[in-house]
Amino acid sequence: MATLVTGAAVALSAATPALAARGTLRIGTRTYNNPARGCYNSDIWPLFVTNRTNITVFVYEGANCTGHSLSAVGPGKSATFEFAKSVDVPG
């Protein structure tokens, strides 16, 4: 019986996405609460980021976090980028 309970707990934790950050991250006109790790594309140009999370996020020149990393936006900071299209939340 203990094996069944442990197996169910492992399966449930594997299905739950890992949060990379606590707080809110605004990218363009979209706001993400407790964003999971990964890449977020902007829906407008120029790209603007308001980082109210507990981690630093990274801004990329291309969509899907491709190309060069242009900058980092630390916790509690905001910035606008004329030549950026996506933001990476590291995990």
N, C-alpha and C. Protein backbone atom coordinates (compact mmCIF):
# COMPACT_ATOMS: atom_id res chain seq x y z
N MET A 1 0.82 -1.20 0.00
CA MET A 1 0.00 0.00 0.00
C MET A 1 0.86 1.26 0.00
N ALA A 2 1.96 1.25 0.78
CA ALA A 2 2.85 2.42 0.84
C ALA A 2 3.46 2.70 -0.52
N THR A 3 3.74 1.65 -1.28
CA THR A 3 4.30 1.83 -2.62
C THR A 3 3.31 2.54 -3.53
N LEU A 4 2.04 2.20 -3.43
CA LEU A 4 1.02 2.85 -4.23
C LEU A 4 0.91 4.33 -3.91
N VAL A 5 0.93 4.67 -2.65
CA VAL A 5 0.83 6.07 -2.24
C VAL A 5 2.05 6.85 -2.70
N THR A 6 3.23 6.29 -2.54
CA THR A 6 4.46 6.95 -2.98
C THR A 6 4.46 7.14 -4.48
N GLY A 7 4.04 6.11 -5.23
CA GLY A 7 3.99 6.21 -6.68
C GLY A 7 3.02 7.30 -7.14
N ALA A 8 1.89 7.42 -6.48
CA ALA A 8 0.92 8.46 -6.83
C ALA A 8 1.48 9.84 -6.54
N ALA A 9 2.19 9.99 -5.44
CA ALA A 9 2.78 11.28 -5.09
C ALA A 9 3.84 11.68 -6.11
N VAL A 10 4.65 10.74 -6.55
CA VAL A 10 5.68 11.02 -7.55
C VAL A 10 5.03 11.40 -8.87
N ALA A 11 3.99 10.68 -9.27
CA ALA A 11 3.31 10.99 -10.53
C ALA A 11 2.66 12.36 -10.48
N LEU A 12 2.08 12.72 -9.36
CA LEU A 12 1.45 14.02 -9.23
C LEU A 12 2.48 15.14 -9.27
N SER A 13 3.61 14.98 -8.60
CA SER A 13 4.63 16.03 -8.60
C SER A 13 5.27 16.18 -9.97
N ALA A 14 5.37 15.13 -10.74
CA ALA A 14 5.94 15.22 -12.08
C ALA A 14 5.01 15.97 -13.03
N ALA A 15 3.71 15.91 -12.78
CA ALA A 15 2.75 16.57 -13.65
C ALA A 15 2.59 18.05 -13.33
N THR A 16 3.02 18.47 -12.16
CA THR A 16 2.90 19.86 -11.75
C THR A 16 4.10 20.65 -12.24
N PRO A 17 3.89 21.75 -13.00
CA PRO A 17 5.04 22.51 -13.49
C PRO A 17 5.79 23.18 -12.35
N ALA A 18 7.11 23.17 -12.45
CA ALA A 18 7.93 23.79 -11.42
C ALA A 18 7.91 25.30 -11.59
N LEU A 19 7.64 25.99 -10.52
CA LEU A 19 7.67 27.45 -10.56
C LEU A 19 9.12 27.91 -10.51
N ALA A 20 9.45 28.82 -11.37
CA ALA A 20 10.80 29.36 -11.36
C ALA A 20 10.87 30.63 -10.55
N ALA A 21 9.74 31.32 -10.44
CA ALA A 21 9.75 32.63 -9.77
C ALA A 21 8.46 32.82 -8.98
N ARG A 22 8.58 33.58 -7.91
CA ARG A 22 7.40 33.97 -7.15
C ARG A 22 7.16 35.46 -7.39
N GLY A 23 5.92 35.82 -7.66
CA GLY A 23 5.57 37.20 -7.93
C GLY A 23 4.94 37.33 -9.30
N THR A 24 4.95 38.55 -9.84
CA THR A 24 4.36 38.78 -11.15
C THR A 24 5.41 39.30 -12.13
N LEU A 25 5.26 38.88 -13.36
CA LEU A 25 6.14 39.30 -14.45
C LEU A 25 5.25 39.81 -15.56
N ARG A 26 5.43 41.06 -15.94
CA ARG A 26 4.65 41.65 -17.03
C ARG A 26 5.57 41.79 -18.24
N ILE A 27 5.12 41.21 -19.36
CA ILE A 27 5.86 41.28 -20.62
C ILE A 27 4.87 41.80 -21.65
N GLY A 28 5.12 42.99 -22.14
CA GLY A 28 4.16 43.61 -23.05
C GLY A 28 2.86 43.87 -22.31
N THR A 29 1.76 43.37 -22.85
CA THR A 29 0.46 43.57 -22.21
C THR A 29 0.02 42.38 -21.37
N ARG A 30 0.86 41.36 -21.27
CA ARG A 30 0.50 40.15 -20.52
C ARG A 30 1.18 40.11 -19.16
N THR A 31 0.45 39.65 -18.17
CA THR A 31 0.99 39.50 -16.82
C THR A 31 0.96 38.03 -16.44
N TYR A 32 2.09 37.53 -15.92
CA TYR A 32 2.22 36.14 -15.51
C TYR A 32 2.42 36.10 -14.00
N ASN A 33 1.54 35.38 -13.30
CA ASN A 33 1.67 35.21 -11.86
C ASN A 33 2.47 33.95 -11.58
N ASN A 34 3.51 34.09 -10.75
CA ASN A 34 4.40 32.97 -10.42
C ASN A 34 4.82 32.22 -11.69
N PRO A 35 5.51 32.91 -12.61
CA PRO A 35 5.82 32.30 -13.91
C PRO A 35 6.72 31.07 -13.78
N ALA A 36 6.38 30.08 -14.57
CA ALA A 36 7.21 28.88 -14.67
C ALA A 36 8.45 29.19 -15.50
N ARG A 37 9.47 28.39 -15.36
CA ARG A 37 10.67 28.61 -16.17
C ARG A 37 10.31 28.43 -17.63
N GLY A 38 11.04 29.13 -18.48
CA GLY A 38 10.80 29.02 -19.91
C GLY A 38 10.84 30.37 -20.59
N CYS A 39 10.50 30.36 -21.86
CA CYS A 39 10.57 31.55 -22.68
C CYS A 39 9.18 32.12 -22.91
N TYR A 40 9.08 33.45 -22.84
CA TYR A 40 7.82 34.15 -23.04
C TYR A 40 8.01 35.19 -24.14
N ASN A 41 7.21 35.09 -25.20
CA ASN A 41 7.30 36.04 -26.31
C ASN A 41 6.45 37.26 -26.00
N SER A 42 6.90 38.42 -26.47
CA SER A 42 6.14 39.64 -26.28
C SER A 42 5.03 39.73 -27.33
N ASP A 43 3.94 40.38 -26.95
CA ASP A 43 2.84 40.55 -27.89
C ASP A 43 2.82 41.95 -28.51
N ILE A 44 3.77 42.80 -28.13
CA ILE A 44 3.83 44.16 -28.69
C ILE A 44 5.28 44.57 -28.90
N TRP A 45 5.45 45.65 -29.64
CA TRP A 45 6.76 46.24 -29.85
C TRP A 45 6.67 47.71 -29.55
N PRO A 46 7.60 48.34 -28.88
CA PRO A 46 8.78 47.72 -28.28
C PRO A 46 8.40 46.85 -27.08
N LEU A 47 9.27 45.92 -26.77
CA LEU A 47 9.05 45.02 -25.65
C LEU A 47 9.30 45.78 -24.35
N PHE A 48 8.41 45.64 -23.40
CA PHE A 48 8.71 46.18 -22.07
C PHE A 48 8.45 45.11 -21.03
N VAL A 49 9.28 45.16 -19.99
CA VAL A 49 9.27 44.15 -18.93
C VAL A 49 9.16 44.85 -17.59
N THR A 50 8.24 44.38 -16.77
CA THR A 50 8.16 44.80 -15.37
C THR A 50 8.31 43.53 -14.54
N ASN A 51 9.42 43.42 -13.84
CA ASN A 51 9.75 42.21 -13.10
C ASN A 51 9.49 42.41 -11.62
N ARG A 52 8.40 41.87 -11.14
CA ARG A 52 8.06 41.91 -9.71
C ARG A 52 8.17 40.51 -9.11
N THR A 53 9.16 39.75 -9.63
CA THR A 53 9.42 38.41 -9.09
C THR A 53 10.65 38.46 -8.21
N ASN A 54 11.04 37.30 -7.73
CA ASN A 54 12.21 37.20 -6.86
C ASN A 54 13.48 36.79 -7.60
N ILE A 55 13.44 36.74 -8.95
CA ILE A 55 14.62 36.35 -9.72
C ILE A 55 14.87 37.32 -10.88
N THR A 56 16.06 37.25 -11.45
CA THR A 56 16.41 38.03 -12.63
C THR A 56 15.97 37.27 -13.88
N VAL A 57 15.37 37.99 -14.82
CA VAL A 57 14.97 37.41 -16.11
C VAL A 57 15.87 37.99 -17.21
N PHE A 58 15.94 37.29 -18.34
CA PHE A 58 16.85 37.66 -19.40
C PHE A 58 16.09 37.96 -20.70
N VAL A 59 16.45 39.04 -21.35
CA VAL A 59 15.77 39.53 -22.55
C VAL A 59 16.58 39.12 -23.78
N TYR A 60 15.87 38.59 -24.81
CA TYR A 60 16.51 38.12 -26.04
C TYR A 60 16.02 38.90 -27.25
N GLU A 61 16.91 39.02 -28.22
CA GLU A 61 16.56 39.77 -29.43
C GLU A 61 15.56 39.05 -30.31
N GLY A 62 15.55 37.73 -30.31
CA GLY A 62 14.65 36.98 -31.17
C GLY A 62 13.49 36.36 -30.42
N ALA A 63 12.47 35.97 -31.17
CA ALA A 63 11.34 35.24 -30.59
C ALA A 63 11.84 33.90 -30.07
N ASN A 64 11.14 33.34 -29.09
CA ASN A 64 11.47 32.04 -28.51
C ASN A 64 12.87 32.00 -27.91
N CYS A 65 13.31 33.15 -27.41
CA CYS A 65 14.62 33.30 -26.73
C CYS A 65 15.79 32.88 -27.61
N THR A 66 15.72 33.29 -28.87
CA THR A 66 16.80 33.02 -29.80
C THR A 66 17.63 34.28 -30.00
N GLY A 67 18.78 34.10 -30.61
CA GLY A 67 19.67 35.23 -30.83
C GLY A 67 20.43 35.58 -29.57
N HIS A 68 20.88 36.80 -29.52
CA HIS A 68 21.69 37.25 -28.39
C HIS A 68 20.83 37.65 -27.20
N SER A 69 21.37 37.40 -26.02
CA SER A 69 20.75 37.93 -24.81
C SER A 69 21.16 39.39 -24.72
N LEU A 70 20.18 40.29 -24.71
CA LEU A 70 20.46 41.72 -24.76
C LEU A 70 20.64 42.33 -23.38
N SER A 71 19.93 41.79 -22.39
CA SER A 71 19.96 42.42 -21.08
C SER A 71 19.36 41.49 -20.05
N ALA A 72 19.49 41.89 -18.80
CA ALA A 72 18.84 41.22 -17.68
C ALA A 72 17.99 42.26 -16.95
N VAL A 73 16.86 41.81 -16.43
CA VAL A 73 15.98 42.69 -15.66
C VAL A 73 15.83 42.04 -14.28
N GLY A 74 16.40 42.70 -13.29
CA GLY A 74 16.39 42.16 -11.94
C GLY A 74 15.07 42.33 -11.23
N PRO A 75 14.94 41.69 -10.07
CA PRO A 75 13.71 41.82 -9.27
C PRO A 75 13.42 43.28 -8.94
N GLY A 76 12.17 43.67 -9.11
CA GLY A 76 11.76 45.03 -8.79
C GLY A 76 12.11 46.06 -9.84
N LYS A 77 12.61 45.63 -10.99
CA LYS A 77 13.03 46.56 -12.05
C LYS A 77 12.10 46.49 -13.25
N SER A 78 12.11 47.56 -14.04
CA SER A 78 11.36 47.63 -15.30
C SER A 78 12.29 48.16 -16.38
N ALA A 79 12.03 47.77 -17.62
CA ALA A 79 12.85 48.25 -18.73
C ALA A 79 12.09 48.09 -20.04
N THR A 80 12.47 48.89 -21.03
CA THR A 80 11.89 48.83 -22.38
C THR A 80 13.02 48.54 -23.36
N PHE A 81 12.72 47.68 -24.35
CA PHE A 81 13.72 47.25 -25.31
C PHE A 81 13.18 47.40 -26.72
N GLU A 82 13.85 48.21 -27.52
CA GLU A 82 13.41 48.46 -28.89
C GLU A 82 13.65 47.26 -29.79
N PHE A 83 14.72 46.51 -29.53
CA PHE A 83 15.09 45.43 -30.44
C PHE A 83 15.04 44.07 -29.75
N ALA A 84 14.01 43.79 -28.98
CA ALA A 84 13.88 42.52 -28.29
C ALA A 84 12.48 41.95 -28.54
N LYS A 85 12.40 40.60 -28.45
CA LYS A 85 11.12 39.95 -28.72
C LYS A 85 10.71 38.92 -27.68
N SER A 86 11.61 38.55 -26.76
CA SER A 86 11.24 37.51 -25.81
C SER A 86 12.02 37.64 -24.50
N VAL A 87 11.51 36.94 -23.48
CA VAL A 87 12.10 36.99 -22.14
C VAL A 87 12.19 35.56 -21.61
N ASP A 88 13.36 35.23 -21.05
CA ASP A 88 13.59 33.92 -20.47
C ASP A 88 13.51 33.99 -18.96
N VAL A 89 12.72 33.08 -18.37
CA VAL A 89 12.66 32.91 -16.92
C VAL A 89 13.47 31.66 -16.62
N PRO A 90 14.66 31.83 -16.04
CA PRO A 90 15.52 30.66 -15.79
C PRO A 90 14.95 29.80 -14.66
N GLY A 91 15.31 28.55 -14.68
CA GLY A 91 14.81 27.65 -13.65
C GLY A 91 15.92 27.05 -12.94
